[in-house]
Amino acid sequence: MRIAANLMGAENSSISSSQSENTETQLVLNVYDLTPINNYTYWFGFGIFHSGIEVQGKEYGFGAHELPVSGVFEVEPRSCPGFIYRCSIPLGRINMSASEFRTFIETVASEYHGDTYHLISKNCNHFTDDISHRLVGKRIPGWVNRLARLGALCSCLLPDTLQVTTVKQLPEYHECIEDGSESLATTTPRDSTEIDDADQEKHLLPPTAVGGEVAFVKEAHK
């Protein structure tokens, strides 16, 4: 009886340990419309889209600001401010603990500074495509970033006014927090037409001077 009890205890311990090590989670691409025109062009495989990667209950995206620090931010899934949610696309499953993923995304954030954002060569969709390829070895659907590829071939497809407006709808402020699990920062998106000289000065203000819904990811220091 004692031997049986010991064996049962060991088996339960093994099951418990196995369950605690099971950190498999779904990787999802959330796609947003930047313009209502997408309702017509989407069916032809063409449109202007923003995308974010959803994993472990948070969504991660890449946006522009004027500082040489992380432009990677997190929001509630399917709720990125300033954009219209369109659809979600499962990309695959990963087996990473929350702390392992945090280390991973902070490392990636050091490669995606806000001042390096470029609508054609390094935009939010390049970011999600990179994350997907690194984690599950899979690229995001081609239609999501088709505009950038076409623009690279023919820059006249994207006038400067469109490029500025698209970038300025993304977060503009950054704050580094020592505790990676609670990185904070902030701003609500605004249209580029609202930016004037006073707003340019506001870029120099500390992030806490403005409230918002976006939290920037602290980048890992090399």
Protein backbone atom coordinates (compact mmCIF):
# COMPACT_ATOMS: atom_id res chain seq x y z
CA MET A 1 0.00 0.00 0.00
CA ARG A 2 2.81 2.42 0.90
CA ILE A 3 4.64 1.61 -2.36
CA ALA A 4 1.44 2.19 -4.35
CA ALA A 5 0.87 5.52 -2.60
CA ASN A 6 4.43 6.61 -3.34
CA LEU A 7 4.04 5.66 -7.00
CA MET A 8 0.76 7.56 -7.22
CA GLY A 9 2.33 10.60 -5.60
CA ALA A 10 5.24 10.51 -8.04
CA GLU A 11 2.81 10.18 -10.98
CA ASN A 12 0.75 13.15 -9.80
CA SER A 13 3.92 15.20 -9.35
CA SER A 14 4.99 14.30 -12.88
CA ILE A 15 1.59 15.34 -14.33
CA SER A 16 1.66 18.59 -12.37
CA SER A 17 5.19 19.34 -13.60
CA SER A 18 4.18 18.57 -17.18
CA GLN A 19 1.17 20.88 -16.94
CA SER A 20 3.26 23.73 -15.53
CA GLU A 21 5.74 23.35 -18.40
CA ASN A 22 3.00 23.48 -21.05
CA THR A 23 3.24 27.07 -22.26
CA GLU A 24 2.01 26.54 -25.81
CA THR A 25 0.00 29.47 -27.13
CA GLN A 26 -1.48 30.69 -30.42
CA LEU A 27 0.23 33.36 -32.53
CA VAL A 28 -2.35 35.53 -34.33
CA LEU A 29 -2.07 38.33 -36.89
CA ASN A 30 -4.65 41.09 -36.32
CA VAL A 31 -5.24 43.25 -39.40
CA TYR A 32 -6.71 46.77 -39.43
CA ASP A 33 -7.91 49.17 -42.13
CA LEU A 34 -6.20 52.54 -42.36
CA THR A 35 -8.87 53.85 -44.73
CA PRO A 36 -12.50 53.02 -45.64
CA ILE A 37 -11.34 52.65 -49.25
CA ASN A 38 -10.15 49.18 -48.23
CA ASN A 39 -13.78 48.04 -48.26
CA TYR A 40 -13.62 48.26 -52.05
CA THR A 41 -9.99 47.43 -52.81
CA TYR A 42 -9.68 44.50 -50.36
CA TRP A 43 -11.47 42.15 -52.75
CA PHE A 44 -8.84 42.85 -55.38
CA GLY A 45 -6.04 41.94 -52.97
CA PHE A 46 -5.06 45.54 -52.42
CA GLY A 47 -5.40 48.00 -49.54
CA ILE A 48 -3.70 50.09 -46.86
CA PHE A 49 -3.40 48.03 -43.69
CA HIS A 50 -1.91 48.08 -40.21
CA SER A 51 -1.18 44.80 -38.45
CA GLY A 52 -0.21 43.59 -35.00
CA ILE A 53 0.88 40.25 -33.51
CA GLU A 54 -1.36 38.86 -30.76
CA VAL A 55 0.21 36.47 -28.27
CA GLN A 56 -0.42 35.63 -24.61
CA GLY A 57 -3.29 38.10 -24.29
CA LYS A 58 -1.49 41.15 -25.72
CA GLU A 59 -1.04 42.62 -29.19
CA TYR A 60 2.31 43.99 -30.36
CA GLY A 61 2.87 46.49 -33.17
CA PHE A 62 5.48 48.90 -34.50
CA GLY A 63 4.97 52.64 -34.88
CA ALA A 64 6.83 55.86 -35.65
CA HIS A 65 8.13 58.52 -33.28
CA GLU A 66 11.15 60.82 -33.36
CA LEU A 67 13.40 59.11 -30.79
CA PRO A 68 16.12 56.47 -31.32
CA VAL A 69 14.42 54.07 -28.90
CA SER A 70 11.88 51.26 -29.13
CA GLY A 71 8.93 51.86 -31.42
CA VAL A 72 7.38 48.51 -30.46
CA PHE A 73 4.19 48.92 -28.47
CA GLU A 74 1.50 46.77 -26.91
CA VAL A 75 -2.27 47.21 -26.81
CA GLU A 76 -5.33 45.14 -26.01
CA PRO A 77 -5.93 42.60 -28.82
CA ARG A 78 -7.98 43.84 -31.77
CA SER A 79 -8.20 47.32 -30.19
CA CYS A 80 -5.31 49.32 -31.65
CA PRO A 81 -6.37 52.99 -31.39
CA GLY A 82 -6.65 54.94 -34.62
CA PHE A 83 -7.40 51.97 -36.84
CA ILE A 84 -10.45 49.92 -37.86
CA TYR A 85 -10.18 46.22 -36.98
CA ARG A 86 -10.73 43.97 -40.01
CA CYS A 87 -9.80 40.35 -39.25
CA SER A 88 -7.56 37.88 -37.38
CA ILE A 89 -5.36 35.26 -39.03
CA PRO A 90 -3.89 32.33 -37.03
CA LEU A 91 -0.20 31.95 -37.84
CA GLY A 92 0.77 28.97 -35.72
CA ARG A 93 1.58 27.97 -32.17
CA ILE A 94 4.64 28.69 -30.03
CA ASN A 95 5.89 27.15 -26.81
CA MET A 96 7.29 30.02 -24.73
CA SER A 97 6.71 31.12 -21.16
CA ALA A 98 5.63 34.70 -20.51
CA SER A 99 9.13 35.63 -19.34
CA GLU A 100 10.76 34.01 -22.38
CA PHE A 101 8.48 35.89 -24.75
CA ARG A 102 9.10 39.14 -22.90
CA THR A 103 12.84 38.69 -23.33
CA PHE A 104 12.29 37.93 -27.00
CA ILE A 105 10.09 40.98 -27.73
CA GLU A 106 12.41 43.33 -25.81
CA THR A 107 15.33 42.06 -27.89
CA VAL A 108 13.37 42.62 -31.10
CA ALA A 109 12.38 46.11 -29.87
CA SER A 110 16.04 47.13 -29.92
CA GLU A 111 15.97 46.52 -33.69
CA TYR A 112 12.82 48.58 -34.27
CA HIS A 113 13.39 52.13 -33.11
CA GLY A 114 10.61 54.62 -33.70
CA ASP A 115 12.79 56.94 -35.74
CA THR A 116 13.62 54.13 -38.21
CA TYR A 117 9.99 53.60 -39.24
CA HIS A 118 9.50 53.91 -43.00
CA LEU A 119 6.22 53.27 -44.79
CA ILE A 120 7.89 51.47 -47.69
CA SER A 121 10.89 49.67 -46.21
CA LYS A 122 10.23 49.23 -42.48
CA ASN A 123 6.60 49.55 -41.43
CA CYS A 124 4.28 47.80 -38.99
CA ASN A 125 3.67 44.94 -41.45
CA HIS A 126 7.40 44.33 -41.91
CA PHE A 127 7.54 44.04 -38.11
CA THR A 128 4.73 41.48 -37.84
CA ASP A 129 6.15 39.52 -40.78
CA ASP A 130 9.55 39.40 -39.05
CA ILE A 131 8.04 38.27 -35.74
CA SER A 132 6.00 35.55 -37.44
CA HIS A 133 9.00 34.28 -39.39
CA ARG A 134 11.20 34.17 -36.29
CA LEU A 135 8.64 32.39 -34.11
CA VAL A 136 6.83 30.00 -36.46
CA GLY A 137 8.86 30.16 -39.68
CA LYS A 138 5.87 31.55 -41.57
CA ARG A 139 5.33 34.82 -43.46
CA ILE A 140 2.18 36.92 -43.09
CA PRO A 141 -0.23 36.92 -46.09
CA GLY A 142 1.17 38.93 -49.00
CA TRP A 143 -1.88 41.17 -49.38
CA VAL A 144 -1.31 42.74 -45.95
CA ASN A 145 1.85 44.55 -47.05
CA ARG A 146 1.37 44.57 -50.82
CA LEU A 147 1.14 48.37 -50.91
CA ALA A 148 4.69 48.72 -49.54
CA ARG A 149 6.09 46.27 -52.09
CA LEU A 150 4.38 48.08 -54.93
CA GLY A 151 5.53 51.41 -53.52
CA ALA A 152 9.12 50.17 -53.49
CA LEU A 153 8.82 49.54 -57.22
CA CYS A 154 6.97 52.74 -58.00
CA SER A 155 7.20 55.47 -55.35
CA CYS A 156 4.64 57.58 -57.22
CA LEU A 157 1.95 55.21 -55.93
CA LEU A 158 2.36 56.71 -52.47
CA PRO A 159 2.31 60.50 -52.29
CA ASP A 160 4.15 62.16 -49.39
CA THR A 161 0.87 63.27 -47.82
CA LEU A 162 -0.27 59.67 -47.46
CA GLN A 163 3.04 58.58 -45.98
CA VAL A 164 3.01 61.32 -43.33
CA THR A 165 -0.62 60.75 -42.36
CA THR A 166 -0.17 57.02 -42.01
CA VAL A 167 2.89 57.31 -39.80
CA LYS A 168 1.47 60.06 -37.60
CA GLN A 169 -1.56 57.95 -36.72
CA LEU A 170 0.80 55.72 -34.76
CA PRO A 171 2.17 56.39 -31.25
CA GLU A 172 4.56 59.31 -30.85
CA TYR A 173 5.86 59.05 -27.29
CA HIS A 174 8.08 56.57 -25.48
CA GLU A 175 8.92 55.75 -21.91
CA CYS A 176 11.38 53.15 -20.69
CA ILE A 177 10.30 51.26 -17.56
CA GLU A 178 12.77 49.08 -15.69
CA ASP A 179 10.12 46.44 -14.96
CA GLY A 180 9.55 44.82 -18.34
CA SER A 181 6.18 43.40 -17.33
CA GLU A 182 4.76 46.85 -16.73
CA SER A 183 6.16 49.03 -19.53
CA LEU A 184 4.12 52.17 -19.91
CA ALA A 185 3.85 55.05 -22.29
CA THR A 186 1.48 56.93 -24.27
CA THR A 187 -0.51 58.82 -26.59
CA THR A 188 -3.69 58.71 -28.50
CA PRO A 189 -3.34 58.82 -32.29
CA ARG A 190 -3.88 62.08 -34.16
CA ASP A 191 -4.14 63.02 -37.77
CA SER A 192 -1.08 64.68 -39.30
CA THR A 193 -3.07 67.82 -40.08
CA GLU A 194 -3.25 68.55 -36.36
CA ILE A 195 0.51 68.82 -35.96
CA ASP A 196 1.85 72.38 -35.72
CA ASP A 197 4.82 74.13 -34.14
CA ALA A 198 3.41 73.76 -30.63
CA ASP A 199 2.98 70.03 -31.19
CA GLN A 200 6.55 69.72 -32.44
CA GLU A 201 7.72 71.16 -29.10
CA LYS A 202 5.50 68.71 -27.28
CA HIS A 203 7.63 65.86 -28.65
CA LEU A 204 10.29 67.00 -26.18
CA LEU A 205 7.98 66.71 -23.19
CA PRO A 206 8.22 63.68 -20.92
CA PRO A 207 5.78 60.86 -21.81
CA THR A 208 3.91 61.28 -18.53
CA ALA A 209 2.69 64.65 -19.78
CA VAL A 210 0.18 62.95 -22.05
CA GLY A 211 -2.36 60.20 -21.29
CA GLY A 212 -3.19 57.38 -23.69
CA GLU A 213 -3.94 53.77 -24.49
CA VAL A 214 -0.60 52.56 -25.88
CA ALA A 215 2.21 50.97 -23.85
CA PHE A 216 5.68 50.86 -25.37
CA VAL A 217 7.90 47.83 -24.87
CA LYS A 218 11.19 48.47 -23.14
CA GLU A 219 14.05 47.40 -25.40
CA ALA A 220 16.76 45.04 -24.20
CA HIS A 221 20.10 46.76 -23.68
CA LYS A 222 22.98 45.08 -25.46
